[in-house]
Amino acid sequence: MDLHMKDADGIATTKQLGIADPAAKVVIVTDYDDEELRKAALAAGACEYALKEDLPDLLRLLRNVTA
């Protein structure tokens, strides 16, 4: 999930997904390296927050989420 999408807010969408499916696992992938956004995303139910510049590390994050 990205934080800023054309027609959606990633934090609000993450929260809605968690309500619709509590077993859903959302990983935020974004350009925004901002501690407040990170906290908001995790509070909304995201299980990880990754920066697009660190995409090589995304595979490790996904493995942790599915383990």
C-alpha atoms as a PDB file:
ATOM      1  CA  MET A   1       0.000   0.000   0.000  1.00  0.00           C
ATOM      2  CA  ASP A   2       1.271   3.456  -0.827  1.00  0.00           C
ATOM      3  CA  LEU A   3       0.401   6.386   1.440  1.00  0.00           C
ATOM      4  CA  HIS A   4      -0.630   8.778  -1.299  1.00  0.00           C
ATOM      5  CA  MET A   5      -2.560   7.371  -4.231  1.00  0.00           C
ATOM      6  CA  LYS A   6      -4.558   9.124  -6.913  1.00  0.00           C
ATOM      7  CA  ASP A   7      -7.983   8.498  -5.411  1.00  0.00           C
ATOM      8  CA  ALA A   8      -7.208   7.106  -1.976  1.00  0.00           C
ATOM      9  CA  ASP A   9      -5.400   7.729   1.275  1.00  0.00           C
ATOM     10  CA  GLY A  10      -3.190   4.791   2.200  1.00  0.00           C
ATOM     11  CA  ILE A  11      -3.603   5.193   5.947  1.00  0.00           C
ATOM     12  CA  ALA A  12      -7.404   5.352   5.753  1.00  0.00           C
ATOM     13  CA  THR A  13      -7.476   2.441   3.314  1.00  0.00           C
ATOM     14  CA  THR A  14      -5.232   0.378   5.597  1.00  0.00           C
ATOM     15  CA  LYS A  15      -7.616   1.011   8.476  1.00  0.00           C
ATOM     16  CA  GLN A  16     -10.627   0.041   6.330  1.00  0.00           C
ATOM     17  CA  LEU A  17      -8.902  -3.159   5.204  1.00  0.00           C
ATOM     18  CA  GLY A  18      -8.209  -4.104   8.803  1.00  0.00           C
ATOM     19  CA  ILE A  19     -11.863  -3.628   9.679  1.00  0.00           C
ATOM     20  CA  ALA A  20     -13.035  -5.607   6.649  1.00  0.00           C
ATOM     21  CA  ASP A  21     -10.486  -8.389   7.162  1.00  0.00           C
ATOM     22  CA  PRO A  22      -8.682  -8.449  10.512  1.00  0.00           C
ATOM     23  CA  ALA A  23      -6.290 -11.089   9.131  1.00  0.00           C
ATOM     24  CA  ALA A  24      -5.146  -8.775   6.308  1.00  0.00           C
ATOM     25  CA  LYS A  25      -1.466  -7.891   6.384  1.00  0.00           C
ATOM     26  CA  VAL A  26      -0.642  -4.492   4.926  1.00  0.00           C
ATOM     27  CA  VAL A  27       2.853  -3.320   4.124  1.00  0.00           C
ATOM     28  CA  ILE A  28       3.218   0.397   3.416  1.00  0.00           C
ATOM     29  CA  VAL A  29       5.687   1.107   0.598  1.00  0.00           C
ATOM     30  CA  THR A  30       6.304   4.826   0.167  1.00  0.00           C
ATOM     31  CA  ASP A  31       8.735   7.629  -0.591  1.00  0.00           C
ATOM     32  CA  TYR A  32       7.866   9.404   2.673  1.00  0.00           C
ATOM     33  CA  ASP A  33      10.502   8.899   5.361  1.00  0.00           C
ATOM     34  CA  ASP A  34       8.497  10.592   8.076  1.00  0.00           C
ATOM     35  CA  GLU A  35       8.193   9.307  11.638  1.00  0.00           C
ATOM     36  CA  GLU A  36       4.664  10.677  12.126  1.00  0.00           C
ATOM     37  CA  LEU A  37       3.442   8.980   8.926  1.00  0.00           C
ATOM     38  CA  ARG A  38       5.141   5.759  10.017  1.00  0.00           C
ATOM     39  CA  LYS A  39       3.393   5.906  13.402  1.00  0.00           C
ATOM     40  CA  ALA A  40       0.034   6.692  11.782  1.00  0.00           C
ATOM     41  CA  ALA A  41       0.390   3.813   9.312  1.00  0.00           C
ATOM     42  CA  LEU A  42       1.270   1.337  12.048  1.00  0.00           C
ATOM     43  CA  ALA A  43      -1.557   2.637  14.244  1.00  0.00           C
ATOM     44  CA  ALA A  44      -3.940   2.128  11.295  1.00  0.00           C
ATOM     45  CA  GLY A  45      -2.929  -1.523  11.172  1.00  0.00           C
ATOM     46  CA  ALA A  46       0.027  -1.730   8.796  1.00  0.00           C
ATOM     47  CA  CYS A  47       2.440  -4.427   9.884  1.00  0.00           C
ATOM     48  CA  GLU A  48       5.466  -2.910   8.131  1.00  0.00           C
ATOM     49  CA  TYR A  49       6.555   0.431   6.662  1.00  0.00           C
ATOM     50  CA  ALA A  50       9.142   0.378   3.876  1.00  0.00           C
ATOM     51  CA  LEU A  51      10.739   3.124   1.840  1.00  0.00           C
ATOM     52  CA  LYS A  52      10.793   2.768  -1.925  1.00  0.00           C
ATOM     53  CA  GLU A  53      14.510   3.535  -1.856  1.00  0.00           C
ATOM     54  CA  ASP A  54      14.954   0.367   0.218  1.00  0.00           C
ATOM     55  CA  LEU A  55      13.041  -1.964  -2.091  1.00  0.00           C
ATOM     56  CA  PRO A  56      15.776  -4.619  -1.999  1.00  0.00           C
ATOM     57  CA  ASP A  57      14.878  -5.007   1.694  1.00  0.00           C
ATOM     58  CA  LEU A  58      11.180  -5.458   0.837  1.00  0.00           C
ATOM     59  CA  LEU A  59      11.564  -9.192   0.254  1.00  0.00           C
ATOM     60  CA  ARG A  60      12.832  -9.626   3.823  1.00  0.00           C
ATOM     61  CA  LEU A  61       9.900  -7.604   5.153  1.00  0.00           C
ATOM     62  CA  LEU A  62       7.419  -9.688   3.188  1.00  0.00           C
ATOM     63  CA  ARG A  63       8.974 -12.888   4.494  1.00  0.00           C
ATOM     64  CA  ASN A  64       8.606 -11.585   8.049  1.00  0.00           C
ATOM     65  CA  VAL A  65       4.979 -10.672   7.452  1.00  0.00           C
ATOM     66  CA  THR A  66       4.079 -14.081   6.065  1.00  0.00           C
ATOM     67  CA  ALA A  67       6.088 -16.088   8.608  1.00  0.00           C
END
